[in-house]
């Protein structure tokens, strides 16, 4: 936040977060997670810290979780968003399984977003399965936060 505090989109994202809190009685809450055997968590920790700096409440799921475990954690923690980071290529099966698990519990209100190394050719498939936003490498977190807050 010290590096970004004067950036216009960072300021806008913080303002939108404050408006969300004013309108909803609490800050937007995101669960950041990896699915399956993808054990690379450095990037997701950076993303989580960035969202916290913007004003989100952030939960970080443990590594090596199943879609069912992530859905359970999201429901128990009453999150608004699940952010899945993918580097290992399981996104075409694991993310749709997560969305199905949320649906089984009638929690379609929890927005699922994805980021990381996801081939652009897979974007349409994921969106058809229910992923609301996909953010590729190089995405500026403040810009992503603005898009997510507008979706909420």
C-alpha atoms as a PDB file:
ATOM      1  CA  UNK A   1       0.000   0.000   0.000  1.00  0.00           C
ATOM      2  CA  UNK A   2       2.918   2.363   0.583  1.00  0.00           C
ATOM      3  CA  UNK A   3       3.919   2.045  -3.077  1.00  0.00           C
ATOM      4  CA  UNK A   4       0.398   2.389  -4.448  1.00  0.00           C
ATOM      5  CA  UNK A   5      -1.195   4.926  -2.087  1.00  0.00           C
ATOM      6  CA  UNK A   6      -1.031   7.748  -4.663  1.00  0.00           C
ATOM      7  CA  UNK A   7      -2.162   5.670  -7.659  1.00  0.00           C
ATOM      8  CA  UNK A   8      -5.605   6.715  -8.855  1.00  0.00           C
ATOM      9  CA  UNK A   9      -7.029   3.196  -9.259  1.00  0.00           C
ATOM     10  CA  UNK A  10      -5.728   2.144  -5.841  1.00  0.00           C
ATOM     11  CA  UNK A  11      -7.526   5.143  -4.330  1.00  0.00           C
ATOM     12  CA  UNK A  12     -10.690   4.323  -6.301  1.00  0.00           C
ATOM     13  CA  UNK A  13     -10.546   0.669  -5.170  1.00  0.00           C
ATOM     14  CA  UNK A  14     -10.202   1.750  -1.522  1.00  0.00           C
ATOM     15  CA  UNK A  15     -13.119   4.152  -1.933  1.00  0.00           C
ATOM     16  CA  UNK A  16     -15.297   1.401  -3.467  1.00  0.00           C
ATOM     17  CA  UNK A  17     -14.357  -0.905  -0.598  1.00  0.00           C
ATOM     18  CA  UNK A  18     -15.441   1.733   1.932  1.00  0.00           C
ATOM     19  CA  UNK A  19     -18.713   2.238   0.033  1.00  0.00           C
ATOM     20  CA  UNK A  20     -19.301  -1.517   0.063  1.00  0.00           C
ATOM     21  CA  UNK A  21     -18.798  -1.560   3.836  1.00  0.00           C
ATOM     22  CA  UNK A  22     -21.151   1.390   4.302  1.00  0.00           C
ATOM     23  CA  UNK A  23     -23.855  -0.282   2.187  1.00  0.00           C
ATOM     24  CA  UNK A  24     -23.422  -3.830   3.518  1.00  0.00           C
ATOM     25  CA  UNK A  25     -22.310  -3.365   7.113  1.00  0.00           C
ATOM     26  CA  UNK A  26     -18.990  -5.127   6.567  1.00  0.00           C
ATOM     27  CA  UNK A  27     -16.022  -5.141   4.260  1.00  0.00           C
ATOM     28  CA  UNK A  28     -15.986  -7.370   1.183  1.00  0.00           C
ATOM     29  CA  UNK A  29     -14.561 -10.748   2.135  1.00  0.00           C
ATOM     30  CA  UNK A  30     -12.486 -12.866  -0.237  1.00  0.00           C
ATOM     31  CA  UNK A  31     -11.159 -16.384   0.195  1.00  0.00           C
ATOM     32  CA  UNK A  32      -7.975 -16.873  -1.807  1.00  0.00           C
ATOM     33  CA  UNK A  33      -7.238 -20.479  -2.639  1.00  0.00           C
ATOM     34  CA  UNK A  34      -5.284 -23.002  -4.650  1.00  0.00           C
ATOM     35  CA  UNK A  35      -6.971 -26.217  -5.705  1.00  0.00           C
ATOM     36  CA  UNK A  36      -5.619 -29.720  -5.998  1.00  0.00           C
ATOM     37  CA  UNK A  37      -1.913 -30.441  -6.074  1.00  0.00           C
ATOM     38  CA  UNK A  38      -0.796 -26.927  -7.019  1.00  0.00           C
ATOM     39  CA  UNK A  39       1.617 -26.088  -4.192  1.00  0.00           C
ATOM     40  CA  UNK A  40       2.927 -22.734  -5.408  1.00  0.00           C
ATOM     41  CA  UNK A  41       1.560 -20.164  -2.968  1.00  0.00           C
ATOM     42  CA  UNK A  42       3.894 -17.178  -3.259  1.00  0.00           C
ATOM     43  CA  UNK A  43       1.706 -15.403  -5.812  1.00  0.00           C
ATOM     44  CA  UNK A  44      -1.531 -15.942  -3.951  1.00  0.00           C
ATOM     45  CA  UNK A  45       0.003 -14.563  -0.767  1.00  0.00           C
ATOM     46  CA  UNK A  46       1.008 -11.408  -2.633  1.00  0.00           C
ATOM     47  CA  UNK A  47      -2.511 -11.096  -4.063  1.00  0.00           C
ATOM     48  CA  UNK A  48      -4.051 -11.643  -0.620  1.00  0.00           C
ATOM     49  CA  UNK A  49      -1.860  -8.936   0.910  1.00  0.00           C
ATOM     50  CA  UNK A  50      -2.756  -6.539  -1.894  1.00  0.00           C
ATOM     51  CA  UNK A  51      -6.500  -7.087  -1.412  1.00  0.00           C
ATOM     52  CA  UNK A  52      -6.074  -6.548   2.337  1.00  0.00           C
ATOM     53  CA  UNK A  53      -4.259  -3.260   1.622  1.00  0.00           C
ATOM     54  CA  UNK A  54      -7.216  -2.171  -0.501  1.00  0.00           C
ATOM     55  CA  UNK A  55      -9.582  -2.885   2.397  1.00  0.00           C
ATOM     56  CA  UNK A  56     -10.925  -6.407   1.852  1.00  0.00           C
ATOM     57  CA  UNK A  57     -11.173  -8.977   4.612  1.00  0.00           C
ATOM     58  CA  UNK A  58      -8.999 -11.804   3.298  1.00  0.00           C
ATOM     59  CA  UNK A  59      -8.905 -15.493   4.150  1.00  0.00           C
ATOM     60  CA  UNK A  60      -6.167 -17.706   2.718  1.00  0.00           C
ATOM     61  CA  UNK A  61      -7.048 -21.373   2.326  1.00  0.00           C
ATOM     62  CA  UNK A  62      -4.464 -24.056   3.085  1.00  0.00           C
ATOM     63  CA  UNK A  63      -2.710 -25.683   0.151  1.00  0.00           C
ATOM     64  CA  UNK A  64      -3.814 -28.950  -1.455  1.00  0.00           C
ATOM     65  CA  UNK A  65      -7.543 -28.443  -0.903  1.00  0.00           C
ATOM     66  CA  UNK A  66     -10.349 -30.106  -2.814  1.00  0.00           C
ATOM     67  CA  UNK A  67     -13.163 -28.064  -4.365  1.00  0.00           C
ATOM     68  CA  UNK A  68     -15.497 -29.435  -1.662  1.00  0.00           C
ATOM     69  CA  UNK A  69     -13.151 -28.230   1.107  1.00  0.00           C
ATOM     70  CA  UNK A  70     -12.869 -24.760  -0.412  1.00  0.00           C
ATOM     71  CA  UNK A  71     -16.656 -24.504  -0.820  1.00  0.00           C
ATOM     72  CA  UNK A  72     -17.107 -25.542   2.823  1.00  0.00           C
ATOM     73  CA  UNK A  73     -14.589 -22.972   4.049  1.00  0.00           C
ATOM     74  CA  UNK A  74     -16.153 -20.224   1.921  1.00  0.00           C
ATOM     75  CA  UNK A  75     -19.644 -20.984   3.218  1.00  0.00           C
ATOM     76  CA  UNK A  76     -18.533 -21.262   6.845  1.00  0.00           C
ATOM     77  CA  UNK A  77     -16.632 -17.966   6.638  1.00  0.00           C
ATOM     78  CA  UNK A  78     -19.470 -16.233   4.744  1.00  0.00           C
ATOM     79  CA  UNK A  79     -17.234 -14.848   2.012  1.00  0.00           C
ATOM     80  CA  UNK A  80     -18.473 -12.817  -0.937  1.00  0.00           C
ATOM     81  CA  UNK A  81     -15.768 -13.982  -3.338  1.00  0.00           C
ATOM     82  CA  UNK A  82     -13.543 -17.002  -3.881  1.00  0.00           C
ATOM     83  CA  UNK A  83     -10.372 -16.199  -5.788  1.00  0.00           C
ATOM     84  CA  UNK A  84      -8.738 -19.285  -7.266  1.00  0.00           C
ATOM     85  CA  UNK A  85      -5.126 -19.066  -8.371  1.00  0.00           C
ATOM     86  CA  UNK A  86      -4.133 -21.648 -10.953  1.00  0.00           C
ATOM     87  CA  UNK A  87      -0.657 -22.558 -12.127  1.00  0.00           C
ATOM     88  CA  UNK A  88      -0.855 -26.315 -12.529  1.00  0.00           C
ATOM     89  CA  UNK A  89      -3.568 -26.704 -15.143  1.00  0.00           C
ATOM     90  CA  UNK A  90      -6.397 -28.201 -13.081  1.00  0.00           C
ATOM     91  CA  UNK A  91      -8.624 -25.193 -13.642  1.00  0.00           C
ATOM     92  CA  UNK A  92     -10.908 -26.838 -16.243  1.00  0.00           C
ATOM     93  CA  UNK A  93     -12.047 -29.530 -13.826  1.00  0.00           C
ATOM     94  CA  UNK A  94     -11.429 -28.223 -10.311  1.00  0.00           C
ATOM     95  CA  UNK A  95     -13.008 -24.766 -10.644  1.00  0.00           C
ATOM     96  CA  UNK A  96     -16.259 -26.125 -12.165  1.00  0.00           C
ATOM     97  CA  UNK A  97     -16.372 -28.706  -9.333  1.00  0.00           C
ATOM     98  CA  UNK A  98     -16.082 -25.849  -6.827  1.00  0.00           C
ATOM     99  CA  UNK A  99     -18.930 -23.963  -8.503  1.00  0.00           C
ATOM    100  CA  UNK A 100     -21.058 -27.140  -8.464  1.00  0.00           C
ATOM    101  CA  UNK A 101     -20.360 -27.624  -4.750  1.00  0.00           C
ATOM    102  CA  UNK A 102     -21.441 -24.040  -4.044  1.00  0.00           C
ATOM    103  CA  UNK A 103     -24.590 -24.632  -6.076  1.00  0.00           C
ATOM    104  CA  UNK A 104     -25.408 -27.809  -4.114  1.00  0.00           C
ATOM    105  CA  UNK A 105     -25.413 -25.647  -0.976  1.00  0.00           C
ATOM    106  CA  UNK A 106     -27.493 -22.942  -2.710  1.00  0.00           C
ATOM    107  CA  UNK A 107     -24.622 -20.443  -2.483  1.00  0.00           C
ATOM    108  CA  UNK A 108     -24.512 -19.219  -6.056  1.00  0.00           C
ATOM    109  CA  UNK A 109     -24.238 -15.739  -4.522  1.00  0.00           C
ATOM    110  CA  UNK A 110     -20.548 -16.400  -3.793  1.00  0.00           C
ATOM    111  CA  UNK A 111     -18.653 -15.040  -6.780  1.00  0.00           C
ATOM    112  CA  UNK A 112     -15.864 -17.239  -8.146  1.00  0.00           C
ATOM    113  CA  UNK A 113     -12.970 -15.526  -9.895  1.00  0.00           C
ATOM    114  CA  UNK A 114      -9.780 -17.048 -11.267  1.00  0.00           C
ATOM    115  CA  UNK A 115      -6.273 -15.886 -11.921  1.00  0.00           C
ATOM    116  CA  UNK A 116      -2.823 -17.111 -12.661  1.00  0.00           C
ATOM    117  CA  UNK A 117      -1.569 -19.116 -15.596  1.00  0.00           C
ATOM    118  CA  UNK A 118      -4.772 -19.949 -17.445  1.00  0.00           C
ATOM    119  CA  UNK A 119      -4.594 -20.194 -21.231  1.00  0.00           C
ATOM    120  CA  UNK A 120      -6.861 -17.634 -22.924  1.00  0.00           C
ATOM    121  CA  UNK A 121      -8.419 -20.478 -24.924  1.00  0.00           C
ATOM    122  CA  UNK A 122      -9.898 -21.771 -21.631  1.00  0.00           C
ATOM    123  CA  UNK A 123     -11.521 -18.462 -20.606  1.00  0.00           C
ATOM    124  CA  UNK A 124     -14.833 -19.084 -22.416  1.00  0.00           C
ATOM    125  CA  UNK A 125     -15.184 -22.565 -20.937  1.00  0.00           C
ATOM    126  CA  UNK A 126     -14.622 -21.245 -17.415  1.00  0.00           C
ATOM    127  CA  UNK A 127     -17.051 -18.371 -17.918  1.00  0.00           C
ATOM    128  CA  UNK A 128     -19.700 -20.795 -19.209  1.00  0.00           C
ATOM    129  CA  UNK A 129     -19.162 -22.878 -16.062  1.00  0.00           C
ATOM    130  CA  UNK A 130     -19.784 -19.813 -13.860  1.00  0.00           C
ATOM    131  CA  UNK A 131     -16.464 -18.047 -13.310  1.00  0.00           C
ATOM    132  CA  UNK A 132     -17.305 -14.330 -13.177  1.00  0.00           C
ATOM    133  CA  UNK A 133     -13.864 -12.852 -13.862  1.00  0.00           C
ATOM    134  CA  UNK A 134     -10.498 -14.178 -15.015  1.00  0.00           C
ATOM    135  CA  UNK A 135      -7.297 -12.233 -14.420  1.00  0.00           C
ATOM    136  CA  UNK A 136      -4.136 -13.216 -16.239  1.00  0.00           C
ATOM    137  CA  UNK A 137      -0.483 -12.550 -15.472  1.00  0.00           C
ATOM    138  CA  UNK A 138       0.378  -8.886 -15.152  1.00  0.00           C
ATOM    139  CA  UNK A 139      -3.065  -7.816 -13.953  1.00  0.00           C
ATOM    140  CA  UNK A 140      -2.859  -4.800 -11.678  1.00  0.00           C
ATOM    141  CA  UNK A 141      -4.553  -5.771  -8.413  1.00  0.00           C
ATOM    142  CA  UNK A 142      -6.277  -2.409  -7.920  1.00  0.00           C
ATOM    143  CA  UNK A 143      -7.835  -2.732 -11.382  1.00  0.00           C
ATOM    144  CA  UNK A 144      -9.003  -6.265 -10.562  1.00  0.00           C
ATOM    145  CA  UNK A 145     -10.440  -5.076  -7.233  1.00  0.00           C
ATOM    146  CA  UNK A 146     -12.440  -2.380  -9.005  1.00  0.00           C
ATOM    147  CA  UNK A 147     -13.876  -4.932 -11.447  1.00  0.00           C
ATOM    148  CA  UNK A 148     -14.732  -7.320  -8.605  1.00  0.00           C
ATOM    149  CA  UNK A 149     -16.377  -4.613  -6.507  1.00  0.00           C
ATOM    150  CA  UNK A 150     -18.429  -3.524  -9.506  1.00  0.00           C
ATOM    151  CA  UNK A 151     -19.522  -7.178  -9.925  1.00  0.00           C
ATOM    152  CA  UNK A 152     -20.606  -7.301  -6.259  1.00  0.00           C
END
